[in-house]
Amino acid sequence: MNNIPYITQILKIEPFKVTCLWNTGEVRVNDFEEEFVIPDRLEIFYRLTNYDIFKYASVSEEGTLQWVNLQVSMKILGKDLISPFDLDPVTLYENSHSIKEYKLVMTEEFV
């Protein structure tokens, strides 16, 4: 993972937004509501519109967002494999926004 950005920590999950700390030192927000309106995504991606599924995002060993409660099956070298649904870290980084773009309200959570 030399120059590839990857997530080191999830800081906050809220309805359809995930705020993460990246290996670049940046705090960035992925707003999935923007992503849900893009046509022609994989059907499984749209299952994330259910917040009861979405809120269980976690960081994979590869440093990207994954949903262990949303399984994907695939065939590799003739073997059926099942793994958590995850997203490409480069695409996540490119589609995220710096936390500086958001107007934040201080709460006790951040004090």
PDB file of N, CA and C in Angstrom:
ATOM      1  N   MET A   1       0.822  -1.193   0.000  1.00  0.00           N
ATOM      2  CA  MET A   1       0.000   0.000   0.000  1.00  0.00           C
ATOM      3  C   MET A   1       0.867   1.257   0.000  1.00  0.00           C
ATOM      4  N   ASN A   2       1.848   1.320  -0.854  1.00  0.00           N
ATOM      5  CA  ASN A   2       2.774   2.439  -0.875  1.00  0.00           C
ATOM      6  C   ASN A   2       2.094   3.790  -0.970  1.00  0.00           C
ATOM      7  N   ASN A   3       1.734   4.200  -2.175  1.00  0.00           N
ATOM      8  CA  ASN A   3       1.135   5.510  -2.386  1.00  0.00           C
ATOM      9  C   ASN A   3      -0.381   5.457  -2.474  1.00  0.00           C
ATOM     10  N   ILE A   4      -0.944   4.328  -2.192  1.00  0.00           N
ATOM     11  CA  ILE A   4      -2.390   4.177  -2.254  1.00  0.00           C
ATOM     12  C   ILE A   4      -2.987   4.658  -0.934  1.00  0.00           C
ATOM     13  N   PRO A   5      -3.936   5.596  -0.995  1.00  0.00           N
ATOM     14  CA  PRO A   5      -4.559   6.025   0.258  1.00  0.00           C
ATOM     15  C   PRO A   5      -5.405   4.895   0.840  1.00  0.00           C
ATOM     16  N   TYR A   6      -5.369   4.784   2.161  1.00  0.00           N
ATOM     17  CA  TYR A   6      -6.205   3.793   2.827  1.00  0.00           C
ATOM     18  C   TYR A   6      -6.664   4.339   4.174  1.00  0.00           C
ATOM     19  N   ILE A   7      -7.742   3.764   4.653  1.00  0.00           N
ATOM     20  CA  ILE A   7      -8.362   4.196   5.904  1.00  0.00           C
ATOM     21  C   ILE A   7      -7.637   3.543   7.076  1.00  0.00           C
ATOM     22  N   THR A   8      -7.320   4.350   8.076  1.00  0.00           N
ATOM     23  CA  THR A   8      -6.706   3.807   9.283  1.00  0.00           C
ATOM     24  C   THR A   8      -7.711   3.684  10.420  1.00  0.00           C
ATOM     25  N   GLN A   9      -8.779   4.500  10.375  1.00  0.00           N
ATOM     26  CA  GLN A   9      -9.757   4.476  11.464  1.00  0.00           C
ATOM     27  C   GLN A   9     -11.064   5.127  11.021  1.00  0.00           C
ATOM     28  N   ILE A  10     -12.169   4.549  11.436  1.00  0.00           N
ATOM     29  CA  ILE A  10     -13.468   5.193  11.273  1.00  0.00           C
ATOM     30  C   ILE A  10     -13.685   6.056  12.506  1.00  0.00           C
ATOM     31  N   LEU A  11     -13.975   7.319  12.281  1.00  0.00           N
ATOM     32  CA  LEU A  11     -14.198   8.237  13.393  1.00  0.00           C
ATOM     33  C   LEU A  11     -15.673   8.376  13.734  1.00  0.00           C
ATOM     34  N   LYS A  12     -16.528   8.297  12.705  1.00  0.00           N
ATOM     35  CA  LYS A  12     -17.963   8.466  12.956  1.00  0.00           C
ATOM     36  C   LYS A  12     -18.760   7.854  11.811  1.00  0.00           C
ATOM     37  N   ILE A  13     -19.847   7.195  12.189  1.00  0.00           N
ATOM     38  CA  ILE A  13     -20.816   6.693  11.208  1.00  0.00           C
ATOM     39  C   ILE A  13     -22.145   7.331  11.564  1.00  0.00           C
ATOM     40  N   GLU A  14     -22.749   7.974  10.593  1.00  0.00           N
ATOM     41  CA  GLU A  14     -24.068   8.564  10.763  1.00  0.00           C
ATOM     42  C   GLU A  14     -24.875   8.207   9.523  1.00  0.00           C
ATOM     43  N   PRO A  15     -26.158   8.528   9.505  1.00  0.00           N
ATOM     44  CA  PRO A  15     -26.945   8.100   8.339  1.00  0.00           C
ATOM     45  C   PRO A  15     -26.283   8.471   7.005  1.00  0.00           C
ATOM     46  N   PHE A  16     -25.722   7.451   6.414  1.00  0.00           N
ATOM     47  CA  PHE A  16     -25.164   7.450   5.074  1.00  0.00           C
ATOM     48  C   PHE A  16     -23.928   8.332   4.885  1.00  0.00           C
ATOM     49  N   LYS A  17     -23.248   8.635   5.991  1.00  0.00           N
ATOM     50  CA  LYS A  17     -21.958   9.319   5.946  1.00  0.00           C
ATOM     51  C   LYS A  17     -20.994   8.569   6.848  1.00  0.00           C
ATOM     52  N   VAL A  18     -19.757   8.434   6.382  1.00  0.00           N
ATOM     53  CA  VAL A  18     -18.711   7.816   7.190  1.00  0.00           C
ATOM     54  C   VAL A  18     -17.527   8.778   7.202  1.00  0.00           C
ATOM     55  N   THR A  19     -17.100   9.155   8.405  1.00  0.00           N
ATOM     56  CA  THR A  19     -15.950  10.035   8.570  1.00  0.00           C
ATOM     57  C   THR A  19     -14.765   9.174   8.979  1.00  0.00           C
ATOM     58  N   CYS A  20     -13.680   9.293   8.233  1.00  0.00           N
ATOM     59  CA  CYS A  20     -12.522   8.418   8.437  1.00  0.00           C
ATOM     60  C   CYS A  20     -11.225   9.214   8.525  1.00  0.00           C
ATOM     61  N   LEU A  21     -10.283   8.626   9.253  1.00  0.00           N
ATOM     62  CA  LEU A  21      -8.911   9.097   9.256  1.00  0.00           C
ATOM     63  C   LEU A  21      -8.163   8.258   8.229  1.00  0.00           C
ATOM     64  N   TRP A  22      -7.431   8.914   7.336  1.00  0.00           N
ATOM     65  CA  TRP A  22      -6.711   8.245   6.263  1.00  0.00           C
ATOM     66  C   TRP A  22      -5.217   8.214   6.566  1.00  0.00           C
ATOM     67  N   ASN A  23      -4.497   7.334   5.903  1.00  0.00           N
ATOM     68  CA  ASN A  23      -3.048   7.239   6.099  1.00  0.00           C
ATOM     69  C   ASN A  23      -2.319   8.509   5.675  1.00  0.00           C
ATOM     70  N   THR A  24      -3.001   9.390   4.970  1.00  0.00           N
ATOM     71  CA  THR A  24      -2.432  10.676   4.557  1.00  0.00           C
ATOM     72  C   THR A  24      -2.446  11.683   5.700  1.00  0.00           C
ATOM     73  N   GLY A  25      -3.115  11.311   6.812  1.00  0.00           N
ATOM     74  CA  GLY A  25      -3.266  12.218   7.940  1.00  0.00           C
ATOM     75  C   GLY A  25      -4.530  13.057   7.852  1.00  0.00           C
ATOM     76  N   GLU A  26      -5.265  12.924   6.756  1.00  0.00           N
ATOM     77  CA  GLU A  26      -6.481  13.711   6.557  1.00  0.00           C
ATOM     78  C   GLU A  26      -7.691  13.039   7.201  1.00  0.00           C
ATOM     79  N   VAL A  27      -8.630  13.861   7.623  1.00  0.00           N
ATOM     80  CA  VAL A  27      -9.948  13.383   8.027  1.00  0.00           C
ATOM     81  C   VAL A  27     -10.873  13.733   6.879  1.00  0.00           C
ATOM     82  N   ARG A  28     -11.519  12.685   6.325  1.00  0.00           N
ATOM     83  CA  ARG A  28     -12.361  12.876   5.148  1.00  0.00           C
ATOM     84  C   ARG A  28     -13.706  12.199   5.363  1.00  0.00           C
ATOM     85  N   VAL A  29     -14.725  12.726   4.687  1.00  0.00           N
ATOM     86  CA  VAL A  29     -16.093  12.240   4.827  1.00  0.00           C
ATOM     87  C   VAL A  29     -16.558  11.654   3.495  1.00  0.00           C
ATOM     88  N   ASN A  30     -17.088  10.448   3.539  1.00  0.00           N
ATOM     89  CA  ASN A  30     -17.759   9.861   2.388  1.00  0.00           C
ATOM     90  C   ASN A  30     -19.250   9.993   2.609  1.00  0.00           C
ATOM     91  N   ASP A  31     -19.901  10.731   1.720  1.00  0.00           N
ATOM     92  CA  ASP A  31     -21.345  10.929   1.782  1.00  0.00           C
ATOM     93  C   ASP A  31     -21.975   9.992   0.760  1.00  0.00           C
ATOM     94  N   PHE A  32     -22.523   8.903   1.255  1.00  0.00           N
ATOM     95  CA  PHE A  32     -23.057   7.896   0.348  1.00  0.00           C
ATOM     96  C   PHE A  32     -24.387   8.301  -0.263  1.00  0.00           C
ATOM     97  N   GLU A  33     -25.074   9.282   0.301  1.00  0.00           N
ATOM     98  CA  GLU A  33     -26.310   9.749  -0.335  1.00  0.00           C
ATOM     99  C   GLU A  33     -26.002  10.267  -1.737  1.00  0.00           C
ATOM    100  N   GLU A  34     -24.833  10.872  -1.907  1.00  0.00           N
ATOM    101  CA  GLU A  34     -24.415  11.322  -3.236  1.00  0.00           C
ATOM    102  C   GLU A  34     -24.188  10.122  -4.160  1.00  0.00           C
ATOM    103  N   GLU A  35     -23.677   9.044  -3.598  1.00  0.00           N
ATOM    104  CA  GLU A  35     -23.363   7.851  -4.384  1.00  0.00           C
ATOM    105  C   GLU A  35     -24.608   7.047  -4.749  1.00  0.00           C
ATOM    106  N   PHE A  36     -25.617   7.061  -3.885  1.00  0.00           N
ATOM    107  CA  PHE A  36     -26.806   6.244  -4.107  1.00  0.00           C
ATOM    108  C   PHE A  36     -27.609   6.686  -5.323  1.00  0.00           C
ATOM    109  N   VAL A  37     -27.423   7.915  -5.774  1.00  0.00           N
ATOM    110  CA  VAL A  37     -28.198   8.403  -6.924  1.00  0.00           C
ATOM    111  C   VAL A  37     -27.517   8.086  -8.258  1.00  0.00           C
ATOM    112  N   ILE A  38     -26.298   7.552  -8.217  1.00  0.00           N
ATOM    113  CA  ILE A  38     -25.592   7.201  -9.447  1.00  0.00           C
ATOM    114  C   ILE A  38     -26.176   5.890  -9.985  1.00  0.00           C
ATOM    115  N   PRO A  39     -26.650   5.898 -11.238  1.00  0.00           N
ATOM    116  CA  PRO A  39     -27.239   4.673 -11.794  1.00  0.00           C
ATOM    117  C   PRO A  39     -26.177   3.623 -12.122  1.00  0.00           C
ATOM    118  N   ASP A  40     -26.650   2.426 -12.342  1.00  0.00           N
ATOM    119  CA  ASP A  40     -25.821   1.313 -12.836  1.00  0.00           C
ATOM    120  C   ASP A  40     -24.758   0.820 -11.858  1.00  0.00           C
ATOM    121  N   ARG A  41     -25.010   0.933 -10.579  1.00  0.00           N
ATOM    122  CA  ARG A  41     -24.117   0.329  -9.586  1.00  0.00           C
ATOM    123  C   ARG A  41     -24.538  -1.123  -9.406  1.00  0.00           C
ATOM    124  N   LEU A  42     -23.691  -1.907  -8.770  1.00  0.00           N
ATOM    125  CA  LEU A  42     -24.076  -3.275  -8.440  1.00  0.00           C
ATOM    126  C   LEU A  42     -25.276  -3.252  -7.506  1.00  0.00           C
ATOM    127  N   GLU A  43     -26.162  -4.185  -7.694  1.00  0.00           N
ATOM    128  CA  GLU A  43     -27.381  -4.249  -6.867  1.00  0.00           C
ATOM    129  C   GLU A  43     -27.047  -4.275  -5.379  1.00  0.00           C
ATOM    130  N   ILE A  44     -26.009  -4.985  -5.006  1.00  0.00           N
ATOM    131  CA  ILE A  44     -25.654  -5.109  -3.590  1.00  0.00           C
ATOM    132  C   ILE A  44     -25.302  -3.748  -2.983  1.00  0.00           C
ATOM    133  N   PHE A  45     -24.737  -2.849  -3.793  1.00  0.00           N
ATOM    134  CA  PHE A  45     -24.387  -1.511  -3.300  1.00  0.00           C
ATOM    135  C   PHE A  45     -25.624  -0.789  -2.783  1.00  0.00           C
ATOM    136  N   TYR A  46     -26.737  -0.938  -3.477  1.00  0.00           N
ATOM    137  CA  TYR A  46     -27.963  -0.234  -3.086  1.00  0.00           C
ATOM    138  C   TYR A  46     -28.569  -0.791  -1.800  1.00  0.00           C
ATOM    139  N   ARG A  47     -28.131  -1.979  -1.363  1.00  0.00           N
ATOM    140  CA  ARG A  47     -28.601  -2.510  -0.077  1.00  0.00           C
ATOM    141  C   ARG A  47     -28.084  -1.662   1.073  1.00  0.00           C
ATOM    142  N   LEU A  48     -27.033  -0.871   0.821  1.00  0.00           N
ATOM    143  CA  LEU A  48     -26.516   0.033   1.846  1.00  0.00           C
ATOM    144  C   LEU A  48     -27.468   1.189   2.142  1.00  0.00           C
ATOM    145  N   THR A  49     -28.492   1.366   1.328  1.00  0.00           N
ATOM    146  CA  THR A  49     -29.482   2.411   1.615  1.00  0.00           C
ATOM    147  C   THR A  49     -30.318   2.060   2.839  1.00  0.00           C
ATOM    148  N   ASN A  50     -30.197   0.832   3.318  1.00  0.00           N
ATOM    149  CA  ASN A  50     -30.839   0.412   4.560  1.00  0.00           C
ATOM    150  C   ASN A  50     -29.860   0.738   5.690  1.00  0.00           C
ATOM    151  N   TYR A  51     -30.201   1.718   6.519  1.00  0.00           N
ATOM    152  CA  TYR A  51     -29.267   2.158   7.560  1.00  0.00           C
ATOM    153  C   TYR A  51     -28.944   1.051   8.559  1.00  0.00           C
ATOM    154  N   ASP A  52     -29.863   0.101   8.731  1.00  0.00           N
ATOM    155  CA  ASP A  52     -29.576  -1.018   9.637  1.00  0.00           C
ATOM    156  C   ASP A  52     -28.425  -1.881   9.110  1.00  0.00           C
ATOM    157  N   ILE A  53     -28.150  -1.829   7.830  1.00  0.00           N
ATOM    158  CA  ILE A  53     -26.988  -2.501   7.238  1.00  0.00           C
ATOM    159  C   ILE A  53     -25.802  -1.532   7.219  1.00  0.00           C
ATOM    160  N   PHE A  54     -26.047  -0.319   6.740  1.00  0.00           N
ATOM    161  CA  PHE A  54     -24.990   0.673   6.543  1.00  0.00           C
ATOM    162  C   PHE A  54     -24.195   0.958   7.821  1.00  0.00           C
ATOM    163  N   LYS A  55     -24.886   1.052   8.951  1.00  0.00           N
ATOM    164  CA  LYS A  55     -24.240   1.486  10.196  1.00  0.00           C
ATOM    165  C   LYS A  55     -23.181   0.506  10.719  1.00  0.00           C
ATOM    166  N   TYR A  56     -23.085  -0.668  10.120  1.00  0.00           N
ATOM    167  CA  TYR A  56     -22.088  -1.646  10.556  1.00  0.00           C
ATOM    168  C   TYR A  56     -20.817  -1.621   9.701  1.00  0.00           C
ATOM    169  N   ALA A  57     -20.540  -0.493   9.065  1.00  0.00           N
ATOM    170  CA  ALA A  57     -19.291  -0.357   8.302  1.00  0.00           C
ATOM    171  C   ALA A  57     -18.112  -0.531   9.243  1.00  0.00           C
ATOM    172  N   SER A  58     -17.057  -1.144   8.731  1.00  0.00           N
ATOM    173  CA  SER A  58     -15.832  -1.313   9.499  1.00  0.00           C
ATOM    174  C   SER A  58     -14.652  -1.191   8.537  1.00  0.00           C
ATOM    175  N   VAL A  59     -13.446  -1.145   9.095  1.00  0.00           N
ATOM    176  CA  VAL A  59     -12.243  -1.046   8.281  1.00  0.00           C
ATOM    177  C   VAL A  59     -11.695  -2.452   8.058  1.00  0.00           C
ATOM    178  N   SER A  60     -11.466  -2.791   6.807  1.00  0.00           N
ATOM    179  CA  SER A  60     -10.906  -4.107   6.465  1.00  0.00           C
ATOM    180  C   SER A  60      -9.394  -4.112   6.677  1.00  0.00           C
ATOM    181  N   GLU A  61      -8.810  -5.284   6.587  1.00  0.00           N
ATOM    182  CA  GLU A  61      -7.352  -5.402   6.694  1.00  0.00           C
ATOM    183  C   GLU A  61      -6.651  -4.632   5.579  1.00  0.00           C
ATOM    184  N   GLU A  62      -7.337  -4.425   4.468  1.00  0.00           N
ATOM    185  CA  GLU A  62      -6.767  -3.699   3.333  1.00  0.00           C
ATOM    186  C   GLU A  62      -6.935  -2.196   3.471  1.00  0.00           C
ATOM    187  N   GLY A  63      -7.574  -1.737   4.555  1.00  0.00           N
ATOM    188  CA  GLY A  63      -7.725  -0.303   4.778  1.00  0.00           C
ATOM    189  C   GLY A  63      -8.841   0.337   3.990  1.00  0.00           C
ATOM    190  N   THR A  64      -9.894  -0.408   3.769  1.00  0.00           N
ATOM    191  CA  THR A  64     -11.048   0.152   3.080  1.00  0.00           C
ATOM    192  C   THR A  64     -12.302  -0.131   3.899  1.00  0.00           C
ATOM    193  N   LEU A  65     -13.417   0.455   3.486  1.00  0.00           N
ATOM    194  CA  LEU A  65     -14.672   0.190   4.181  1.00  0.00           C
ATOM    195  C   LEU A  65     -15.217  -1.159   3.755  1.00  0.00           C
ATOM    196  N   GLN A  66     -15.712  -1.893   4.730  1.00  0.00           N
ATOM    197  CA  GLN A  66     -16.349  -3.175   4.452  1.00  0.00           C
ATOM    198  C   GLN A  66     -17.600  -3.293   5.315  1.00  0.00           C
ATOM    199  N   TRP A  67     -18.482  -4.177   4.885  1.00  0.00           N
ATOM    200  CA  TRP A  67     -19.685  -4.493   5.632  1.00  0.00           C
ATOM    201  C   TRP A  67     -19.722  -6.000   5.819  1.00  0.00           C
ATOM    202  N   VAL A  68     -19.377  -6.460   7.006  1.00  0.00           N
ATOM    203  CA  VAL A  68     -19.349  -7.899   7.265  1.00  0.00           C
ATOM    204  C   VAL A  68     -20.767  -8.476   7.314  1.00  0.00           C
ATOM    205  N   ASN A  69     -21.755  -7.616   7.513  1.00  0.00           N
ATOM    206  CA  ASN A  69     -23.145  -8.053   7.540  1.00  0.00           C
ATOM    207  C   ASN A  69     -23.776  -8.075   6.137  1.00  0.00           C
ATOM    208  N   LEU A  70     -22.965  -7.795   5.130  1.00  0.00           N
ATOM    209  CA  LEU A  70     -23.419  -7.812   3.738  1.00  0.00           C
ATOM    210  C   LEU A  70     -22.403  -8.651   2.958  1.00  0.00           C
ATOM    211  N   GLN A  71     -22.737  -9.900   2.751  1.00  0.00           N
ATOM    212  CA  GLN A  71     -21.796 -10.857   2.162  1.00  0.00           C
ATOM    213  C   GLN A  71     -21.921 -10.910   0.640  1.00  0.00           C
ATOM    214  N   VAL A  72     -20.783 -11.112  -0.014  1.00  0.00           N
ATOM    215  CA  VAL A  72     -20.713 -11.235  -1.461  1.00  0.00           C
ATOM    216  C   VAL A  72     -20.143 -12.609  -1.778  1.00  0.00           C
ATOM    217  N   SER A  73     -20.743 -13.293  -2.734  1.00  0.00           N
ATOM    218  CA  SER A  73     -20.178 -14.575  -3.152  1.00  0.00           C
ATOM    219  C   SER A  73     -19.562 -14.407  -4.540  1.00  0.00           C
ATOM    220  N   MET A  74     -18.443 -15.071  -4.731  1.00  0.00           N
ATOM    221  CA  MET A  74     -17.751 -15.007  -6.015  1.00  0.00           C
ATOM    222  C   MET A  74     -17.065 -16.341  -6.271  1.00  0.00           C
ATOM    223  N   LYS A  75     -16.752 -16.567  -7.508  1.00  0.00           N
ATOM    224  CA  LYS A  75     -16.056 -17.800  -7.883  1.00  0.00           C
ATOM    225  C   LYS A  75     -14.661 -17.422  -8.359  1.00  0.00           C
ATOM    226  N   ILE A  76     -13.645 -17.973  -7.681  1.00  0.00           N
ATOM    227  CA  ILE A  76     -12.255 -17.735  -8.056  1.00  0.00           C
ATOM    228  C   ILE A  76     -11.568 -19.081  -8.212  1.00  0.00           C
ATOM    229  N   LEU A  77     -11.000 -19.278  -9.383  1.00  0.00           N
ATOM    230  CA  LEU A  77     -10.334 -20.542  -9.716  1.00  0.00           C
ATOM    231  C   LEU A  77     -11.230 -21.747  -9.440  1.00  0.00           C
ATOM    232  N   GLY A  78     -12.506 -21.589  -9.785  1.00  0.00           N
ATOM    233  CA  GLY A  78     -13.452 -22.678  -9.634  1.00  0.00           C
ATOM    234  C   GLY A  78     -13.974 -22.894  -8.224  1.00  0.00           C
ATOM    235  N   LYS A  79     -13.536 -22.068  -7.279  1.00  0.00           N
ATOM    236  CA  LYS A  79     -14.003 -22.214  -5.894  1.00  0.00           C
ATOM    237  C   LYS A  79     -14.947 -21.077  -5.536  1.00  0.00           C
ATOM    238  N   ASP A  80     -16.028 -21.429  -4.857  1.00  0.00           N
ATOM    239  CA  ASP A  80     -16.966 -20.422  -4.375  1.00  0.00           C
ATOM    240  C   ASP A  80     -16.420 -19.807  -3.094  1.00  0.00           C
ATOM    241  N   LEU A  81     -16.311 -18.489  -3.083  1.00  0.00           N
ATOM    242  CA  LEU A  81     -15.835 -17.769  -1.907  1.00  0.00           C
ATOM    243  C   LEU A  81     -16.890 -16.773  -1.461  1.00  0.00           C
ATOM    244  N   ILE A  82     -16.977 -16.566  -0.173  1.00  0.00           N
ATOM    245  CA  ILE A  82     -17.887 -15.579   0.397  1.00  0.00           C
ATOM    246  C   ILE A  82     -17.044 -14.627   1.227  1.00  0.00           C
ATOM    247  N   SER A  83     -17.255 -13.333   1.009  1.00  0.00           N
ATOM    248  CA  SER A  83     -16.508 -12.333   1.764  1.00  0.00           C
ATOM    249  C   SER A  83     -17.383 -11.113   2.011  1.00  0.00           C
ATOM    250  N   PRO A  84     -16.972 -10.264   2.950  1.00  0.00           N
ATOM    251  CA  PRO A  84     -17.739  -9.040   3.195  1.00  0.00           C
ATOM    252  C   PRO A  84     -17.715  -8.125   1.969  1.00  0.00           C
ATOM    253  N   PHE A  85     -18.791  -7.403   1.781  1.00  0.00           N
ATOM    254  CA  PHE A  85     -18.844  -6.400   0.717  1.00  0.00           C
ATOM    255  C   PHE A  85     -17.899  -5.272   1.100  1.00  0.00           C
ATOM    256  N   ASP A  86     -17.022  -4.886   0.169  1.00  0.00           N
ATOM    257  CA  ASP A  86     -16.123  -3.771   0.441  1.00  0.00           C
ATOM    258  C   ASP A  86     -16.021  -2.882  -0.786  1.00  0.00           C
ATOM    259  N   LEU A  87     -15.398  -1.732  -0.598  1.00  0.00           N
ATOM    260  CA  LEU A  87     -15.271  -0.753  -1.665  1.00  0.00           C
ATOM    261  C   LEU A  87     -13.800  -0.423  -1.895  1.00  0.00           C
ATOM    262  N   ASP A  88     -13.462  -0.055  -3.101  1.00  0.00           N
ATOM    263  CA  ASP A  88     -12.094   0.274  -3.464  1.00  0.00           C
ATOM    264  C   ASP A  88     -11.626   1.508  -2.694  1.00  0.00           C
ATOM    265  N   PRO A  89     -10.480   1.428  -1.993  1.00  0.00           N
ATOM    266  CA  PRO A  89     -10.035   2.561  -1.191  1.00  0.00           C
ATOM    267  C   PRO A  89      -9.687   3.798  -2.021  1.00  0.00           C
ATOM    268  N   VAL A  90      -9.168   3.611  -3.222  1.00  0.00           N
ATOM    269  CA  VAL A  90      -8.833   4.762  -4.064  1.00  0.00           C
ATOM    270  C   VAL A  90     -10.109   5.491  -4.474  1.00  0.00           C
ATOM    271  N   THR A  91     -11.116   4.735  -4.866  1.00  0.00           N
ATOM    272  CA  THR A  91     -12.401   5.344  -5.238  1.00  0.00           C
ATOM    273  C   THR A  91     -13.023   6.046  -4.030  1.00  0.00           C
ATOM    274  N   LEU A  92     -12.973   5.407  -2.873  1.00  0.00           N
ATOM    275  CA  LEU A  92     -13.494   6.048  -1.661  1.00  0.00           C
ATOM    276  C   LEU A  92     -12.785   7.366  -1.395  1.00  0.00           C
ATOM    277  N   TYR A  93     -11.472   7.359  -1.483  1.00  0.00           N
ATOM    278  CA  TYR A  93     -10.691   8.571  -1.240  1.00  0.00           C
ATOM    279  C   TYR A  93     -11.062   9.664  -2.250  1.00  0.00           C
ATOM    280  N   GLU A  94     -11.111   9.297  -3.519  1.00  0.00           N
ATOM    281  CA  GLU A  94     -11.427  10.277  -4.565  1.00  0.00           C
ATOM    282  C   GLU A  94     -12.834  10.841  -4.427  1.00  0.00           C
ATOM    283  N   ASN A  95     -13.758  10.046  -3.892  1.00  0.00           N
ATOM    284  CA  ASN A  95     -15.149  10.494  -3.744  1.00  0.00           C
ATOM    285  C   ASN A  95     -15.434  11.123  -2.383  1.00  0.00           C
ATOM    286  N   SER A  96     -14.419  11.188  -1.532  1.00  0.00           N
ATOM    287  CA  SER A  96     -14.619  11.766  -0.204  1.00  0.00           C
ATOM    288  C   SER A  96     -14.320  13.262  -0.239  1.00  0.00           C
ATOM    289  N   HIS A  97     -14.720  13.928   0.848  1.00  0.00           N
ATOM    290  CA  HIS A  97     -14.504  15.369   0.984  1.00  0.00           C
ATOM    291  C   HIS A  97     -13.768  15.631   2.290  1.00  0.00           C
ATOM    292  N   SER A  98     -12.909  16.622   2.255  1.00  0.00           N
ATOM    293  CA  SER A  98     -12.200  17.009   3.472  1.00  0.00           C
ATOM    294  C   SER A  98     -13.205  17.442   4.527  1.00  0.00           C
ATOM    295  N   ILE A  99     -12.928  17.101   5.769  1.00  0.00           N
ATOM    296  CA  ILE A  99     -13.796  17.507   6.881  1.00  0.00           C
ATOM    297  C   ILE A  99     -13.904  19.027   6.931  1.00  0.00           C
ATOM    298  N   LYS A 100     -12.924  19.726   6.405  1.00  0.00           N
ATOM    299  CA  LYS A 100     -12.916  21.191   6.411  1.00  0.00           C
ATOM    300  C   LYS A 100     -14.066  21.775   5.602  1.00  0.00           C
ATOM    301  N   GLU A 101     -14.636  20.980   4.684  1.00  0.00           N
ATOM    302  CA  GLU A 101     -15.746  21.453   3.861  1.00  0.00           C
ATOM    303  C   GLU A 101     -17.079  21.432   4.602  1.00  0.00           C
ATOM    304  N   TYR A 102     -17.100  20.833   5.778  1.00  0.00           N
ATOM    305  CA  TYR A 102     -18.338  20.699   6.541  1.00  0.00           C
ATOM    306  C   TYR A 102     -18.359  21.701   7.679  1.00  0.00           C
ATOM    307  N   LYS A 103     -19.524  22.249   7.931  1.00  0.00           N
ATOM    308  CA  LYS A 103     -19.700  23.126   9.080  1.00  0.00           C
ATOM    309  C   LYS A 103     -20.020  22.248  10.278  1.00  0.00           C
ATOM    310  N   LEU A 104     -19.158  22.278  11.256  1.00  0.00           N
ATOM    311  CA  LEU A 104     -19.322  21.409  12.414  1.00  0.00           C
ATOM    312  C   LEU A 104     -19.854  22.195  13.603  1.00  0.00           C
ATOM    313  N   VAL A 105     -20.659  21.530  14.381  1.00  0.00           N
ATOM    314  CA  VAL A 105     -21.164  22.093  15.618  1.00  0.00           C
ATOM    315  C   VAL A 105     -20.491  21.325  16.737  1.00  0.00           C
ATOM    316  N   MET A 106     -19.825  22.024  17.629  1.00  0.00           N
ATOM    317  CA  MET A 106     -19.148  21.358  18.728  1.00  0.00           C
ATOM    318  C   MET A 106     -20.173  20.763  19.687  1.00  0.00           C
ATOM    319  N   THR A 107     -19.938  19.543  20.068  1.00  0.00           N
ATOM    320  CA  THR A 107     -20.773  18.879  21.052  1.00  0.00           C
ATOM    321  C   THR A 107     -19.856  18.316  22.123  1.00  0.00           C
ATOM    322  N   GLU A 108     -20.422  17.819  23.185  1.00  0.00           N
ATOM    323  CA  GLU A 108     -19.617  17.226  24.251  1.00  0.00           C
ATOM    324  C   GLU A 108     -18.788  16.064  23.730  1.00  0.00           C
ATOM    325  N   GLU A 109     -19.253  15.428  22.677  1.00  0.00           N
ATOM    326  CA  GLU A 109     -18.548  14.286  22.077  1.00  0.00           C
ATOM    327  C   GLU A 109     -17.131  14.671  21.647  1.00  0.00           C
ATOM    328  N   PHE A 110     -16.938  15.945  21.232  1.00  0.00           N
ATOM    329  CA  PHE A 110     -15.646  16.378  20.712  1.00  0.00           C
ATOM    330  C   PHE A 110     -14.846  17.190  21.738  1.00  0.00           C
ATOM    331  N   VAL A 111     -15.390  17.393  22.923  1.00  0.00           N
ATOM    332  CA  VAL A 111     -14.700  18.217  23.935  1.00  0.00           C
ATOM    333  C   VAL A 111     -13.749  17.381  24.742  1.00  0.00           C
TER     334      VAL A 111
END
